[in-house]
Amino acid sequence: MVSLSSLSITFDCKDVAVQSIFWADLLGAELDEGANEFVASIGGVHNADSPTPGMLFLKVDDRADSKNPLHIDLDDPGYPGDVERAVSLGAEKVASFDEFGVEWTTLKDPEGNVFDIGRRKLGDEAESSS
């Protein structure tokens, strides 16, 4: 069963504020509540009710050569269920993470393009990982 429910375009940033404010101003949008020096978003990231993709800006000190600085994030409320499904369809699992109240797995599609599947943690789960 497919549980992927929303799409985010994710930017790995050296300066989250500069990048997120640039895109918000360019699009005439507001930053979502909770923006800080490590993470910011526009348009309800990990929000299945949003009619459009969200934009997520993450602080990354060093961009790894093996990771796209701009990539797709897919929300999986049943995480990590669709990670194994993606692998069975030909994706390669790169690594899993748990930071800033979000848990996700980075994968590569059959041509090596990086994407993430994850979910925003709820309540007590988010507080214990921050």
C-alpha atoms as a PDB file:
ATOM      1  CA  MET A   1       0.000   0.000   0.000  1.00  0.00           C
ATOM      2  CA  VAL A   2       1.308   3.435  -0.917  1.00  0.00           C
ATOM      3  CA  SER A   3       1.245   5.958   1.922  1.00  0.00           C
ATOM      4  CA  LEU A   4       3.324   8.771   0.393  1.00  0.00           C
ATOM      5  CA  SER A   5       1.201  11.870   0.773  1.00  0.00           C
ATOM      6  CA  SER A   6       3.064  15.070  -0.058  1.00  0.00           C
ATOM      7  CA  LEU A   7       6.050  16.433  -1.897  1.00  0.00           C
ATOM      8  CA  SER A   8       8.641  19.007  -0.840  1.00  0.00           C
ATOM      9  CA  ILE A   9      11.455  20.563  -2.819  1.00  0.00           C
ATOM     10  CA  THR A  10      14.419  20.667  -0.447  1.00  0.00           C
ATOM     11  CA  PHE A  11      17.404  23.011  -0.542  1.00  0.00           C
ATOM     12  CA  ASP A  12      20.638  22.214   1.306  1.00  0.00           C
ATOM     13  CA  CYS A  13      21.820  25.673   2.420  1.00  0.00           C
ATOM     14  CA  LYS A  14      24.906  27.271   3.844  1.00  0.00           C
ATOM     15  CA  ASP A  15      22.673  30.129   5.079  1.00  0.00           C
ATOM     16  CA  VAL A  16      19.055  29.102   5.679  1.00  0.00           C
ATOM     17  CA  ALA A  17      17.856  32.677   6.251  1.00  0.00           C
ATOM     18  CA  VAL A  18      19.307  34.064   3.009  1.00  0.00           C
ATOM     19  CA  GLN A  19      17.938  31.199   0.884  1.00  0.00           C
ATOM     20  CA  SER A  20      14.494  30.976   2.483  1.00  0.00           C
ATOM     21  CA  ILE A  21      13.902  34.742   2.485  1.00  0.00           C
ATOM     22  CA  PHE A  22      15.034  34.976  -1.157  1.00  0.00           C
ATOM     23  CA  TRP A  23      12.515  32.319  -2.253  1.00  0.00           C
ATOM     24  CA  ALA A  24       9.720  33.692  -0.037  1.00  0.00           C
ATOM     25  CA  ASP A  25      10.223  37.187  -1.452  1.00  0.00           C
ATOM     26  CA  LEU A  26      10.488  35.907  -5.027  1.00  0.00           C
ATOM     27  CA  LEU A  27       7.252  33.911  -4.683  1.00  0.00           C
ATOM     28  CA  GLY A  28       5.420  36.532  -2.600  1.00  0.00           C
ATOM     29  CA  ALA A  29       5.044  33.925   0.157  1.00  0.00           C
ATOM     30  CA  GLU A  30       5.506  33.869   3.921  1.00  0.00           C
ATOM     31  CA  LEU A  31       7.926  31.613   5.789  1.00  0.00           C
ATOM     32  CA  ASP A  32       6.123  28.975   7.839  1.00  0.00           C
ATOM     33  CA  GLU A  33       6.102  29.349  11.622  1.00  0.00           C
ATOM     34  CA  GLY A  34       9.158  27.920  13.394  1.00  0.00           C
ATOM     35  CA  ALA A  35      11.883  29.074  10.982  1.00  0.00           C
ATOM     36  CA  ASN A  36      15.323  29.243  12.586  1.00  0.00           C
ATOM     37  CA  GLU A  37      19.012  29.143  11.628  1.00  0.00           C
ATOM     38  CA  PHE A  38      18.838  25.393  10.920  1.00  0.00           C
ATOM     39  CA  VAL A  39      15.535  24.914   9.097  1.00  0.00           C
ATOM     40  CA  ALA A  40      12.826  26.979   7.406  1.00  0.00           C
ATOM     41  CA  SER A  41       9.947  26.184   5.092  1.00  0.00           C
ATOM     42  CA  ILE A  42       7.377  27.711   2.785  1.00  0.00           C
ATOM     43  CA  GLY A  43       4.022  26.156   2.012  1.00  0.00           C
ATOM     44  CA  GLY A  44       3.518  23.514   4.648  1.00  0.00           C
ATOM     45  CA  VAL A  45       6.281  20.948   4.331  1.00  0.00           C
ATOM     46  CA  HIS A  46       5.115  17.433   5.258  1.00  0.00           C
ATOM     47  CA  ASN A  47       1.540  18.683   4.933  1.00  0.00           C
ATOM     48  CA  ALA A  48      -0.697  16.264   3.034  1.00  0.00           C
ATOM     49  CA  ASP A  49      -3.426  18.932   2.859  1.00  0.00           C
ATOM     50  CA  SER A  50      -1.247  21.372   0.892  1.00  0.00           C
ATOM     51  CA  PRO A  51      -2.295  21.600  -2.777  1.00  0.00           C
ATOM     52  CA  THR A  52       1.261  22.432  -3.880  1.00  0.00           C
ATOM     53  CA  PRO A  53       4.749  21.189  -3.044  1.00  0.00           C
ATOM     54  CA  GLY A  54       6.338  22.795  -0.027  1.00  0.00           C
ATOM     55  CA  MET A  55       9.859  24.230  -0.019  1.00  0.00           C
ATOM     56  CA  LEU A  56      12.216  23.133   2.758  1.00  0.00           C
ATOM     57  CA  PHE A  57      15.534  24.854   3.554  1.00  0.00           C
ATOM     58  CA  LEU A  58      18.047  22.898   5.669  1.00  0.00           C
ATOM     59  CA  LYS A  59      21.371  24.047   7.137  1.00  0.00           C
ATOM     60  CA  VAL A  60      24.224  21.981   5.702  1.00  0.00           C
ATOM     61  CA  ASP A  61      27.798  22.929   6.573  1.00  0.00           C
ATOM     62  CA  ASP A  62      29.408  20.857   3.831  1.00  0.00           C
ATOM     63  CA  ARG A  63      27.575  19.671   0.772  1.00  0.00           C
ATOM     64  CA  ALA A  64      28.550  16.084   0.059  1.00  0.00           C
ATOM     65  CA  ASP A  65      29.551  15.397  -3.530  1.00  0.00           C
ATOM     66  CA  SER A  66      27.177  12.434  -3.524  1.00  0.00           C
ATOM     67  CA  LYS A  67      24.133  14.525  -2.553  1.00  0.00           C
ATOM     68  CA  ASN A  68      22.138  16.911  -4.725  1.00  0.00           C
ATOM     69  CA  PRO A  69      21.890  20.342  -3.049  1.00  0.00           C
ATOM     70  CA  LEU A  70      18.335  20.505  -4.458  1.00  0.00           C
ATOM     71  CA  HIS A  71      16.231  17.355  -4.152  1.00  0.00           C
ATOM     72  CA  ILE A  72      12.723  15.991  -3.621  1.00  0.00           C
ATOM     73  CA  ASP A  73      11.391  15.022  -0.183  1.00  0.00           C
ATOM     74  CA  LEU A  74       8.412  12.667   0.008  1.00  0.00           C
ATOM     75  CA  ASP A  75       6.264  12.526   3.138  1.00  0.00           C
ATOM     76  CA  ASP A  76       5.486   9.025   4.427  1.00  0.00           C
ATOM     77  CA  PRO A  77       3.085   9.072   7.410  1.00  0.00           C
ATOM     78  CA  GLY A  78       3.833   5.355   7.841  1.00  0.00           C
ATOM     79  CA  TYR A  79       7.601   5.877   7.669  1.00  0.00           C
ATOM     80  CA  PRO A  80       9.666   3.850   6.952  1.00  0.00           C
ATOM     81  CA  GLY A  81       7.152   1.723   5.033  1.00  0.00           C
ATOM     82  CA  ASP A  82       7.703   3.302   1.631  1.00  0.00           C
ATOM     83  CA  VAL A  83      11.500   3.246   2.001  1.00  0.00           C
ATOM     84  CA  GLU A  84      11.538  -0.521   1.530  1.00  0.00           C
ATOM     85  CA  ARG A  85       8.991  -0.191  -1.278  1.00  0.00           C
ATOM     86  CA  ALA A  86      11.304   2.276  -3.059  1.00  0.00           C
ATOM     87  CA  VAL A  87      14.240  -0.118  -2.629  1.00  0.00           C
ATOM     88  CA  SER A  88      12.172  -2.966  -4.087  1.00  0.00           C
ATOM     89  CA  LEU A  89      11.451  -0.745  -7.107  1.00  0.00           C
ATOM     90  CA  GLY A  90      15.165  -0.115  -7.739  1.00  0.00           C
ATOM     91  CA  ALA A  91      16.208   2.666  -5.342  1.00  0.00           C
ATOM     92  CA  GLU A  92      19.411   2.412  -3.317  1.00  0.00           C
ATOM     93  CA  LYS A  93      19.292   3.263   0.395  1.00  0.00           C
ATOM     94  CA  VAL A  94      22.061   5.743   1.291  1.00  0.00           C
ATOM     95  CA  ALA A  95      21.500   6.597   4.986  1.00  0.00           C
ATOM     96  CA  SER A  96      18.836   7.334   7.615  1.00  0.00           C
ATOM     97  CA  PHE A  97      18.634  10.421   9.827  1.00  0.00           C
ATOM     98  CA  ASP A  98      16.710  11.787  12.814  1.00  0.00           C
ATOM     99  CA  GLU A  99      17.175  15.544  13.357  1.00  0.00           C
ATOM    100  CA  PHE A 100      15.158  18.699  14.028  1.00  0.00           C
ATOM    101  CA  GLY A 101      11.938  16.760  14.701  1.00  0.00           C
ATOM    102  CA  VAL A 102      12.043  14.954  11.347  1.00  0.00           C
ATOM    103  CA  GLU A 103      13.173  11.424  10.551  1.00  0.00           C
ATOM    104  CA  TRP A 104      14.060  10.442   6.995  1.00  0.00           C
ATOM    105  CA  THR A 105      16.015   8.135   4.734  1.00  0.00           C
ATOM    106  CA  THR A 106      18.078   9.367   1.802  1.00  0.00           C
ATOM    107  CA  LEU A 107      17.909   7.174  -1.292  1.00  0.00           C
ATOM    108  CA  LYS A 108      19.107   7.239  -4.896  1.00  0.00           C
ATOM    109  CA  ASP A 109      16.788   6.526  -7.801  1.00  0.00           C
ATOM    110  CA  PRO A 110      17.935   4.094 -10.541  1.00  0.00           C
ATOM    111  CA  GLU A 111      19.958   6.891 -12.246  1.00  0.00           C
ATOM    112  CA  GLY A 112      21.608   8.074  -9.024  1.00  0.00           C
ATOM    113  CA  ASN A 113      19.404  11.126  -8.291  1.00  0.00           C
ATOM    114  CA  VAL A 114      19.076  11.636  -4.538  1.00  0.00           C
ATOM    115  CA  PHE A 115      15.690  11.929  -2.825  1.00  0.00           C
ATOM    116  CA  ASP A 116      14.365  11.565   0.715  1.00  0.00           C
ATOM    117  CA  ILE A 117      11.414   9.745   2.250  1.00  0.00           C
ATOM    118  CA  GLY A 118      10.479  10.696   5.800  1.00  0.00           C
ATOM    119  CA  ARG A 119       8.034  12.228   8.207  1.00  0.00           C
ATOM    120  CA  ARG A 120       7.739  14.959  10.782  1.00  0.00           C
ATOM    121  CA  LYS A 121       7.780  13.377  14.232  1.00  0.00           C
ATOM    122  CA  LEU A 122       4.771  13.913  16.447  1.00  0.00           C
ATOM    123  CA  GLY A 123       4.620  15.295  20.000  1.00  0.00           C
ATOM    124  CA  ASP A 124       6.919  13.466  22.401  1.00  0.00           C
ATOM    125  CA  GLU A 125       8.846  11.835  19.543  1.00  0.00           C
ATOM    126  CA  ALA A 126       9.923  15.257  18.211  1.00  0.00           C
ATOM    127  CA  GLU A 127      10.951  16.584  21.636  1.00  0.00           C
ATOM    128  CA  SER A 128      13.137  13.575  22.409  1.00  0.00           C
ATOM    129  CA  SER A 129      15.118  13.899  19.125  1.00  0.00           C
ATOM    130  CA  SER A 130      15.825  17.653  19.281  1.00  0.00           C
END
